[in-house]
C-alpha atoms as a PDB file:
ATOM      1  CA  UNK A   1      29.916 -50.235  41.355  1.00  0.00           C
ATOM      2  CA  UNK A   2      29.782 -48.613  37.943  1.00  0.00           C
ATOM      3  CA  UNK A   3      27.611 -50.087  35.202  1.00  0.00           C
ATOM      4  CA  UNK A   4      27.991 -49.305  31.535  1.00  0.00           C
ATOM      5  CA  UNK A   5      24.959 -47.818  29.885  1.00  0.00           C
ATOM      6  CA  UNK A   6      24.008 -49.171  26.480  1.00  0.00           C
ATOM      7  CA  UNK A   7      21.517 -47.619  24.060  1.00  0.00           C
ATOM      8  CA  UNK A   8      19.315 -50.231  22.415  1.00  0.00           C
ATOM      9  CA  UNK A   9      17.035 -49.981  19.420  1.00  0.00           C
ATOM     10  CA  UNK A  10      13.459 -50.824  20.432  1.00  0.00           C
ATOM     11  CA  UNK A  11      11.551 -50.269  17.193  1.00  0.00           C
ATOM     12  CA  UNK A  12      11.999 -48.679  13.801  1.00  0.00           C
ATOM     13  CA  UNK A  13       9.146 -46.621  12.383  1.00  0.00           C
ATOM     14  CA  UNK A  14       8.609 -44.937   9.037  1.00  0.00           C
ATOM     15  CA  UNK A  15      10.140 -41.667  10.230  1.00  0.00           C
ATOM     16  CA  UNK A  16      11.459 -42.280  13.749  1.00  0.00           C
ATOM     17  CA  UNK A  17      13.279 -45.071  15.543  1.00  0.00           C
ATOM     18  CA  UNK A  18      12.811 -45.588  19.277  1.00  0.00           C
ATOM     19  CA  UNK A  19      15.745 -46.287  21.577  1.00  0.00           C
ATOM     20  CA  UNK A  20      15.991 -47.004  25.288  1.00  0.00           C
ATOM     21  CA  UNK A  21      18.920 -47.210  27.694  1.00  0.00           C
ATOM     22  CA  UNK A  22      19.835 -50.599  29.145  1.00  0.00           C
ATOM     23  CA  UNK A  23      22.390 -51.060  31.878  1.00  0.00           C
ATOM     24  CA  UNK A  24      25.008 -53.690  31.156  1.00  0.00           C
ATOM     25  CA  UNK A  25      24.023 -56.986  32.774  1.00  0.00           C
ATOM     26  CA  UNK A  26      20.306 -56.097  32.844  1.00  0.00           C
ATOM     27  CA  UNK A  27      17.882 -58.212  30.826  1.00  0.00           C
ATOM     28  CA  UNK A  28      15.448 -55.402  29.969  1.00  0.00           C
ATOM     29  CA  UNK A  29      15.804 -51.799  28.830  1.00  0.00           C
ATOM     30  CA  UNK A  30      14.544 -49.031  31.104  1.00  0.00           C
ATOM     31  CA  UNK A  31      11.486 -48.575  28.869  1.00  0.00           C
ATOM     32  CA  UNK A  32      10.697 -52.294  28.975  1.00  0.00           C
ATOM     33  CA  UNK A  33      11.024 -52.265  32.781  1.00  0.00           C
ATOM     34  CA  UNK A  34       8.651 -49.290  32.902  1.00  0.00           C
ATOM     35  CA  UNK A  35       6.060 -51.160  30.807  1.00  0.00           C
ATOM     36  CA  UNK A  36       6.397 -54.329  32.880  1.00  0.00           C
ATOM     37  CA  UNK A  37       6.002 -52.348  36.105  1.00  0.00           C
ATOM     38  CA  UNK A  38       2.940 -50.299  35.120  1.00  0.00           C
ATOM     39  CA  UNK A  39       1.078 -52.237  32.388  1.00  0.00           C
ATOM     40  CA  UNK A  40      -1.305 -53.953  34.812  1.00  0.00           C
ATOM     41  CA  UNK A  41      -1.998 -51.135  37.275  1.00  0.00           C
ATOM     42  CA  UNK A  42      -2.166 -48.327  34.678  1.00  0.00           C
ATOM     43  CA  UNK A  43      -3.407 -50.172  31.601  1.00  0.00           C
ATOM     44  CA  UNK A  44      -5.181 -47.219  29.968  1.00  0.00           C
ATOM     45  CA  UNK A  45      -2.263 -44.841  30.512  1.00  0.00           C
ATOM     46  CA  UNK A  46       0.231 -47.342  29.080  1.00  0.00           C
ATOM     47  CA  UNK A  47      -2.027 -47.826  26.047  1.00  0.00           C
ATOM     48  CA  UNK A  48      -2.150 -44.035  25.524  1.00  0.00           C
ATOM     49  CA  UNK A  49       1.646 -43.855  25.753  1.00  0.00           C
ATOM     50  CA  UNK A  50       2.110 -46.685  23.237  1.00  0.00           C
ATOM     51  CA  UNK A  51      -0.408 -45.112  20.840  1.00  0.00           C
ATOM     52  CA  UNK A  52       1.366 -41.741  21.002  1.00  0.00           C
ATOM     53  CA  UNK A  53       4.710 -43.384  20.318  1.00  0.00           C
ATOM     54  CA  UNK A  54       3.194 -45.253  17.356  1.00  0.00           C
ATOM     55  CA  UNK A  55       1.954 -41.931  15.925  1.00  0.00           C
ATOM     56  CA  UNK A  56       5.384 -40.363  16.377  1.00  0.00           C
ATOM     57  CA  UNK A  57       7.081 -43.352  14.693  1.00  0.00           C
ATOM     58  CA  UNK A  58       4.737 -43.029  11.735  1.00  0.00           C
ATOM     59  CA  UNK A  59       4.556 -39.238  11.352  1.00  0.00           C
ATOM     60  CA  UNK A  60       7.859 -38.037  12.788  1.00  0.00           C
ATOM     61  CA  UNK A  61       8.961 -36.311  15.980  1.00  0.00           C
ATOM     62  CA  UNK A  62       7.236 -33.014  15.251  1.00  0.00           C
ATOM     63  CA  UNK A  63       6.976 -30.295  17.895  1.00  0.00           C
ATOM     64  CA  UNK A  64       3.180 -30.558  17.924  1.00  0.00           C
ATOM     65  CA  UNK A  65       3.429 -34.020  19.506  1.00  0.00           C
ATOM     66  CA  UNK A  66       5.337 -32.668  22.525  1.00  0.00           C
ATOM     67  CA  UNK A  67       5.188 -29.984  25.203  1.00  0.00           C
ATOM     68  CA  UNK A  68       8.162 -27.925  26.318  1.00  0.00           C
ATOM     69  CA  UNK A  69       9.757 -28.549  29.694  1.00  0.00           C
ATOM     70  CA  UNK A  70      11.670 -25.400  30.514  1.00  0.00           C
ATOM     71  CA  UNK A  71      12.611 -22.883  27.842  1.00  0.00           C
ATOM     72  CA  UNK A  72      12.231 -23.453  24.105  1.00  0.00           C
ATOM     73  CA  UNK A  73      15.961 -22.815  23.706  1.00  0.00           C
ATOM     74  CA  UNK A  74      16.742 -25.877  25.845  1.00  0.00           C
ATOM     75  CA  UNK A  75      14.717 -28.112  23.499  1.00  0.00           C
ATOM     76  CA  UNK A  76      13.767 -30.308  26.465  1.00  0.00           C
ATOM     77  CA  UNK A  77      10.376 -31.759  25.630  1.00  0.00           C
ATOM     78  CA  UNK A  78       7.947 -34.365  26.962  1.00  0.00           C
ATOM     79  CA  UNK A  79       4.799 -36.029  25.751  1.00  0.00           C
ATOM     80  CA  UNK A  80       1.775 -33.864  26.551  1.00  0.00           C
ATOM     81  CA  UNK A  81      -0.400 -34.600  29.538  1.00  0.00           C
ATOM     82  CA  UNK A  82      -3.741 -36.212  28.822  1.00  0.00           C
ATOM     83  CA  UNK A  83      -6.397 -33.522  28.465  1.00  0.00           C
ATOM     84  CA  UNK A  84      -9.226 -34.103  30.869  1.00  0.00           C
ATOM     85  CA  UNK A  85     -12.510 -32.257  31.039  1.00  0.00           C
ATOM     86  CA  UNK A  86     -14.167 -31.669  34.343  1.00  0.00           C
ATOM     87  CA  UNK A  87     -17.893 -31.319  33.869  1.00  0.00           C
ATOM     88  CA  UNK A  88     -20.167 -30.064  36.627  1.00  0.00           C
ATOM     89  CA  UNK A  89     -23.922 -30.330  36.159  1.00  0.00           C
ATOM     90  CA  UNK A  90     -26.154 -28.292  38.435  1.00  0.00           C
ATOM     91  CA  UNK A  91     -29.906 -28.708  38.181  1.00  0.00           C
ATOM     92  CA  UNK A  92     -32.845 -26.902  39.781  1.00  0.00           C
ATOM     93  CA  UNK A  93     -36.586 -27.406  39.447  1.00  0.00           C
ATOM     94  CA  UNK A  94     -37.997 -24.699  41.717  1.00  0.00           C
ATOM     95  CA  UNK A  95     -40.396 -22.785  39.451  1.00  0.00           C
ATOM     96  CA  UNK A  96     -41.061 -24.633  36.237  1.00  0.00           C
ATOM     97  CA  UNK A  97     -38.904 -26.712  33.951  1.00  0.00           C
ATOM     98  CA  UNK A  98     -35.580 -28.129  35.046  1.00  0.00           C
ATOM     99  CA  UNK A  99     -32.692 -25.763  34.374  1.00  0.00           C
ATOM    100  CA  UNK A 100     -29.280 -27.289  33.899  1.00  0.00           C
ATOM    101  CA  UNK A 101     -25.986 -25.422  33.933  1.00  0.00           C
ATOM    102  CA  UNK A 102     -22.924 -27.177  32.571  1.00  0.00           C
ATOM    103  CA  UNK A 103     -19.495 -25.809  33.408  1.00  0.00           C
ATOM    104  CA  UNK A 104     -16.452 -27.244  31.659  1.00  0.00           C
ATOM    105  CA  UNK A 105     -12.896 -26.618  32.786  1.00  0.00           C
ATOM    106  CA  UNK A 106      -9.896 -27.721  30.748  1.00  0.00           C
END
């Protein structure tokens, strides 16, 4: 069974408006369904996503807010992955004061 796909306005910002697809007969848009599905189990990640979208609405959809997926010619882009630092602390106290080495990987 075919369903018509509608594009609905979610929010209007200063420089960008956000839209989401909604299948005809469905109560929620695909973005709203995503939020409802993941808001409780991935609260922090959903908050990060909402904050990034708020920044884009306010400042515009500039390239610096996205990362390329594929070639630059395709202009297929996604929100960047959250940068995480992995910190390893190694300590020794064999002959004198404690020496600590900190390695950070991005």
